[in-house]
Amino acid sequence: MKTLDQFDLTGRSGLVTGAASGIGLAYAEVIAEAGAKVTLTDIDAEGAAREAQRLCDEGYEARWDACDVSNLAQVAAAFDNHVAAYGGCDIAFANAGLDVGNGFWGPDGKRNPEGQIDVYDPDRWDKSIDINLSGVFRTVREAARVMKANTQRRGGAIVITSSNAAEVNEAIVGVPYMAAKAGVKHFMRHAAYELAAYGIRVNAIAPGPFATNIGDGWVKKNPAAKKAWDELVPVGRMAETYQIKPLALLLASDAGSYMTGAHIMIDGGMQLGPVKPLNG
């Protein structure tokens, strides 16, 4: 098989959660560009519908579904609807997530009172764990269900959006987000171990600072916050979402057929350490 042929997704289909914008939209775009039929799901149904229609207008095959990953019934229905439309599910991106606020250091380089562990809002903690960790479990649960049931299309690829916060301490990131992503990393490894016997590969992409709409796009709206992130990254800048597409395609396609259980950092060198400490 020629190398580039391994990236071809013609005849396959994939579902992406949190696909109305940002990294999730980039995932949906790249698998569509590679030939897959795609379902964009999001709690923002209007955004998912808009982007699915745009992909259709560009000549790709796409549909949308409203889906809140905190609701197992909605996640299950999204996968069932996808299978009904496309005859199976070969690829699933467990991407939906949220940011519940800054960590104990703010983007201004000063301590953030609301981000301190001893006063942290338990409701914010619970919400972050529910969406960022349990939401991944719900998505992988339903992806595994439909992939295992489809005996004519044995196997599949599940790609989880983790974070470099799963592996490094980031004072600017809220504590429940880091805890959730650390849990995501280990859950992914367990899922990969369990599902390998069924031909289902499970891997995770661990982005560093990308300019997205997470947290209502607070980084893009706050020049000081973006400057703070740019100065922390060894390569000197936050990433744009198009830069995650090649890695996503690798893991979704046959090009990554011998990869499972991998937690791959794409963070501009952040795992090496910040260029300067936030309080320095």
Protein backbone atom coordinates (compact mmCIF):
# COMPACT_ATOMS: atom_id res chain seq x y z
CA MET A 1 0.00 0.00 0.00
CA LYS A 2 1.28 3.45 -0.89
CA THR A 3 1.91 5.69 2.08
CA LEU A 4 -0.56 8.44 1.22
CA ASP A 5 -3.27 5.87 0.45
CA GLN A 6 -3.27 4.94 4.13
CA PHE A 7 -4.78 8.34 4.98
CA ASP A 8 -7.77 7.84 2.66
CA LEU A 9 -11.08 7.54 4.54
CA THR A 10 -13.33 6.97 1.53
CA GLY A 11 -16.20 4.67 2.45
CA ARG A 12 -15.93 5.33 6.17
CA SER A 13 -17.87 7.51 8.54
CA GLY A 14 -17.11 9.34 11.75
CA LEU A 15 -18.86 11.17 14.57
CA VAL A 16 -17.34 14.13 16.39
CA THR A 17 -18.55 15.60 19.68
CA GLY A 18 -18.08 19.31 20.33
CA ALA A 19 -17.83 19.85 16.58
CA ALA A 20 -19.51 23.25 16.21
CA SER A 21 -16.20 25.09 16.55
CA GLY A 22 -12.55 24.86 17.48
CA ILE A 23 -10.66 21.59 17.60
CA GLY A 24 -13.81 19.49 17.15
CA LEU A 25 -14.66 21.34 13.96
CA ALA A 26 -11.10 20.80 12.73
CA TYR A 27 -11.52 17.05 13.33
CA ALA A 28 -14.78 17.01 11.38
CA GLU A 29 -13.23 18.97 8.53
CA VAL A 30 -10.17 16.78 8.15
CA ILE A 31 -11.96 13.44 8.08
CA ALA A 32 -14.44 14.90 5.59
CA GLU A 33 -11.54 16.15 3.48
CA ALA A 34 -10.10 12.61 3.57
CA GLY A 35 -13.35 11.15 2.23
CA ALA A 36 -15.35 10.18 5.31
CA LYS A 37 -19.01 10.90 5.92
CA VAL A 38 -19.26 12.87 9.15
CA THR A 39 -21.74 13.71 11.88
CA LEU A 40 -21.07 16.92 13.78
CA THR A 41 -22.57 16.88 17.27
CA ASP A 42 -22.62 19.66 19.80
CA ILE A 43 -24.69 21.11 22.62
CA ASP A 44 -24.73 24.14 20.32
CA ALA A 45 -27.16 22.62 17.82
CA GLU A 46 -27.33 25.78 15.73
CA GLY A 47 -23.56 25.87 15.35
CA ALA A 48 -23.37 22.16 14.48
CA ALA A 49 -26.11 22.57 11.87
CA ARG A 50 -24.40 25.62 10.36
CA GLU A 51 -21.02 23.91 10.04
CA ALA A 52 -22.51 20.67 8.70
CA GLN A 53 -24.32 22.65 6.02
CA ARG A 54 -21.11 24.49 5.16
CA LEU A 55 -19.31 21.16 4.67
CA CYS A 56 -22.15 19.95 2.45
CA ASP A 57 -21.95 23.16 0.44
CA GLU A 58 -18.23 22.47 -0.06
CA GLY A 59 -19.00 19.06 -1.53
CA TYR A 60 -18.59 16.81 1.51
CA GLU A 61 -21.18 14.50 3.06
CA ALA A 62 -22.09 15.73 6.52
CA ARG A 63 -24.98 15.81 8.97
CA TRP A 64 -25.48 17.13 12.48
CA ASP A 65 -27.06 16.16 15.77
CA ALA A 66 -27.67 17.98 19.03
CA CYS A 67 -25.77 16.27 21.81
CA ASP A 68 -24.94 17.17 25.40
CA VAL A 69 -22.24 14.75 26.55
CA SER A 70 -23.46 15.06 30.14
CA ASN A 71 -26.57 13.14 29.02
CA LEU A 72 -25.98 9.47 28.22
CA ALA A 73 -29.30 9.12 26.39
CA GLN A 74 -28.36 11.97 24.03
CA VAL A 75 -24.92 10.48 23.36
CA ALA A 76 -26.46 7.07 22.64
CA ALA A 77 -29.06 8.62 20.34
CA ALA A 78 -26.38 10.54 18.43
CA PHE A 79 -24.51 7.32 17.69
CA ASP A 80 -27.70 5.45 16.81
CA ASN A 81 -28.73 8.23 14.43
CA HIS A 82 -25.27 8.19 12.85
CA VAL A 83 -25.42 4.42 12.29
CA ALA A 84 -28.92 4.72 10.83
CA ALA A 85 -27.70 7.38 8.39
CA TYR A 86 -24.38 5.83 7.38
CA GLY A 87 -24.69 2.11 8.09
CA GLY A 88 -22.06 2.00 10.80
CA CYS A 89 -19.46 4.07 12.62
CA ASP A 90 -15.75 3.69 11.88
CA ILE A 91 -14.35 6.76 13.65
CA ALA A 92 -15.34 8.61 16.82
CA PHE A 93 -13.80 11.72 18.26
CA ALA A 94 -14.57 12.22 21.96
CA ASN A 95 -13.79 15.91 21.95
CA ALA A 96 -16.47 17.92 23.77
CA GLY A 97 -15.14 19.79 26.78
CA LEU A 98 -15.31 23.01 28.72
CA ASP A 99 -13.20 25.37 30.76
CA VAL A 100 -14.52 26.46 34.14
CA GLY A 101 -12.09 29.29 34.81
CA ASN A 102 -8.51 30.16 35.58
CA GLY A 103 -6.14 28.36 37.90
CA PHE A 104 -4.39 29.86 40.89
CA TRP A 105 -2.46 32.23 38.63
CA GLY A 106 -4.32 34.57 36.32
CA PRO A 107 -3.15 35.69 32.87
CA ASP A 108 -1.98 38.94 34.46
CA GLY A 109 0.70 37.03 36.39
CA LYS A 110 -1.02 37.52 39.74
CA ARG A 111 -2.66 35.01 42.03
CA ASN A 112 -6.30 34.38 41.19
CA PRO A 113 -8.34 34.22 44.44
CA GLU A 114 -11.12 32.11 42.91
CA GLY A 115 -8.67 29.51 41.65
CA GLN A 116 -7.22 28.57 45.04
CA ILE A 117 -7.96 25.00 46.17
CA ASP A 118 -9.15 26.03 49.65
CA VAL A 119 -11.95 28.21 48.24
CA TYR A 120 -12.63 26.47 44.93
CA ASP A 121 -16.33 26.24 44.04
CA PRO A 122 -17.39 22.56 44.30
CA ASP A 123 -20.04 23.08 41.62
CA ARG A 124 -17.38 24.21 39.16
CA TRP A 125 -15.33 21.14 40.07
CA ASP A 126 -18.29 18.80 39.53
CA LYS A 127 -19.21 20.38 36.20
CA SER A 128 -15.67 20.11 34.86
CA ILE A 129 -15.28 16.47 35.89
CA ASP A 130 -18.71 15.60 34.48
CA ILE A 131 -18.10 17.09 31.03
CA ASN A 132 -14.34 16.67 30.61
CA LEU A 133 -14.01 13.17 32.09
CA SER A 134 -17.40 11.51 32.38
CA GLY A 135 -18.42 12.96 29.03
CA VAL A 136 -15.47 11.17 27.45
CA PHE A 137 -16.52 7.93 29.15
CA ARG A 138 -20.07 8.29 27.81
CA THR A 139 -18.82 8.95 24.29
CA VAL A 140 -16.33 6.08 24.26
CA ARG A 141 -18.95 3.79 25.82
CA GLU A 142 -21.38 4.40 22.97
CA ALA A 143 -18.71 4.37 20.28
CA ALA A 144 -17.52 0.96 21.51
CA ARG A 145 -21.10 -0.30 21.57
CA VAL A 146 -21.79 0.48 17.93
CA MET A 147 -18.33 -0.50 16.71
CA LYS A 148 -18.45 -3.90 18.42
CA ALA A 149 -21.96 -4.54 17.09
CA ASN A 150 -21.03 -3.88 13.48
CA THR A 151 -19.50 -7.21 12.50
CA GLN A 152 -19.28 -6.30 8.81
CA ARG A 153 -17.01 -3.34 9.59
CA ARG A 154 -14.83 -4.85 12.29
CA GLY A 155 -12.95 -2.42 14.42
CA GLY A 156 -12.73 1.33 14.45
CA ALA A 157 -10.72 4.29 15.65
CA ILE A 158 -11.59 6.32 18.74
CA VAL A 159 -9.67 9.53 19.29
CA ILE A 160 -10.00 11.42 22.58
CA THR A 161 -9.11 15.05 23.14
CA SER A 162 -6.97 15.14 26.25
CA SER A 163 -4.61 18.01 27.12
CA ASN A 164 -0.99 18.62 27.95
CA ALA A 165 -2.48 19.54 31.35
CA ALA A 166 -2.77 15.77 31.89
CA GLU A 167 1.02 15.60 32.14
CA VAL A 168 2.34 18.98 33.24
CA ASN A 169 1.33 21.45 35.91
CA GLU A 170 -0.11 24.69 34.56
CA ALA A 171 -0.85 27.35 37.11
CA ILE A 172 -3.07 29.26 34.70
CA VAL A 173 -5.40 26.26 34.20
CA GLY A 174 -8.18 25.42 36.65
CA VAL A 175 -7.48 22.47 38.96
CA PRO A 176 -10.54 20.37 37.96
CA TYR A 177 -9.60 20.62 34.28
CA MET A 178 -6.15 19.21 34.99
CA ALA A 179 -7.58 16.44 37.17
CA ALA A 180 -10.16 15.54 34.52
CA LYS A 181 -7.58 15.38 31.73
CA ALA A 182 -5.25 13.23 33.84
CA GLY A 183 -8.20 10.88 34.30
CA VAL A 184 -8.87 10.98 30.57
CA LYS A 185 -5.32 9.85 29.85
CA HIS A 186 -5.56 6.78 32.08
CA PHE A 187 -9.10 5.96 30.95
CA MET A 188 -7.91 6.08 27.34
CA ARG A 189 -5.13 3.61 28.11
CA HIS A 190 -7.58 1.22 29.78
CA ALA A 191 -10.05 1.50 26.91
CA ALA A 192 -7.28 0.83 24.39
CA TYR A 193 -6.19 -2.25 26.37
CA GLU A 194 -9.72 -3.61 26.59
CA LEU A 195 -10.91 -2.86 23.07
CA ALA A 196 -7.81 -3.98 21.15
CA ALA A 197 -9.24 -7.49 20.91
CA TYR A 198 -12.14 -6.07 18.89
CA GLY A 199 -9.93 -4.20 16.45
CA ILE A 200 -10.85 -0.88 18.04
CA ARG A 201 -7.93 1.49 18.48
CA VAL A 202 -8.13 4.20 21.16
CA ASN A 203 -5.67 7.09 21.27
CA ALA A 204 -5.59 10.60 22.67
CA ILE A 205 -4.41 13.94 21.36
CA ALA A 206 -3.07 16.21 24.09
CA PRO A 207 -3.14 19.80 22.82
CA GLY A 208 -1.37 22.64 24.49
CA PRO A 209 -2.59 26.20 24.08
CA PHE A 210 -4.82 26.42 21.00
CA ALA A 211 -6.90 29.47 20.15
CA THR A 212 -10.46 28.05 20.36
CA ASN A 213 -13.87 28.98 21.73
CA ILE A 214 -13.43 27.03 24.97
CA GLY A 215 -14.43 29.11 27.96
CA ASP A 216 -16.50 31.29 25.61
CA GLY A 217 -13.34 32.07 23.66
CA TRP A 218 -11.84 33.99 26.56
CA VAL A 219 -8.28 33.70 25.25
CA LYS A 220 -9.21 35.09 21.83
CA LYS A 221 -11.20 37.89 23.45
CA ASN A 222 -8.51 38.81 25.98
CA PRO A 223 -5.27 40.08 24.42
CA ALA A 224 -3.51 39.91 27.80
CA ALA A 225 -4.44 36.26 28.18
CA LYS A 226 -3.24 35.42 24.67
CA LYS A 227 0.01 37.31 25.25
CA ALA A 228 0.53 35.40 28.48
CA TRP A 229 0.07 32.07 26.70
CA ASP A 230 2.28 33.11 23.76
CA GLU A 231 5.07 33.96 26.18
CA LEU A 232 4.79 30.62 27.98
CA VAL A 233 5.14 28.48 24.85
CA PRO A 234 8.72 27.67 23.78
CA VAL A 235 7.87 28.10 20.08
CA GLY A 236 6.49 31.54 20.97
CA ARG A 237 2.84 31.33 19.99
CA MET A 238 -0.48 29.65 20.57
CA ALA A 239 -1.57 27.20 17.89
CA GLU A 240 -4.38 27.52 15.37
CA THR A 241 -6.81 24.64 15.01
CA TYR A 242 -5.75 23.69 11.47
CA GLN A 243 -2.43 22.56 12.96
CA ILE A 244 -4.09 19.65 14.74
CA LYS A 245 -5.60 18.18 11.56
CA PRO A 246 -2.65 16.04 10.36
CA LEU A 247 -2.32 14.31 13.74
CA ALA A 248 -6.06 13.70 13.91
CA LEU A 249 -6.05 12.14 10.46
CA LEU A 250 -3.12 9.90 11.38
CA LEU A 251 -5.01 8.47 14.35
CA ALA A 252 -8.34 8.16 12.53
CA SER A 253 -6.95 6.42 9.46
CA ASP A 254 -5.04 3.28 8.52
CA ALA A 255 -1.87 5.34 8.74
CA GLY A 256 -2.16 4.83 12.49
CA SER A 257 -3.23 1.18 12.30
CA TYR A 258 -0.47 0.03 14.68
CA MET A 259 -1.12 2.78 17.22
CA THR A 260 -3.32 2.34 20.27
CA GLY A 261 -3.03 3.62 23.81
CA ALA A 262 -0.94 6.61 22.72
CA HIS A 263 -1.21 10.00 24.43
CA ILE A 264 0.36 12.39 21.94
CA MET A 265 1.38 15.91 22.93
CA ILE A 266 0.97 18.74 20.43
CA ASP A 267 1.82 21.77 22.52
CA GLY A 268 4.65 23.79 21.02
CA GLY A 269 7.09 22.36 23.55
CA MET A 270 5.11 23.23 26.67
CA GLN A 271 5.94 19.83 28.20
CA LEU A 272 9.57 20.97 28.24
CA GLY A 273 8.69 23.79 30.60
CA PRO A 274 7.51 27.38 30.17
CA VAL A 275 9.84 29.96 28.68
CA LYS A 276 9.34 31.96 31.85
CA PRO A 277 7.39 31.20 35.03
CA LEU A 278 4.06 32.98 35.36
CA ASN A 279 5.17 34.66 38.56
CA GLY A 280 8.66 35.42 37.27
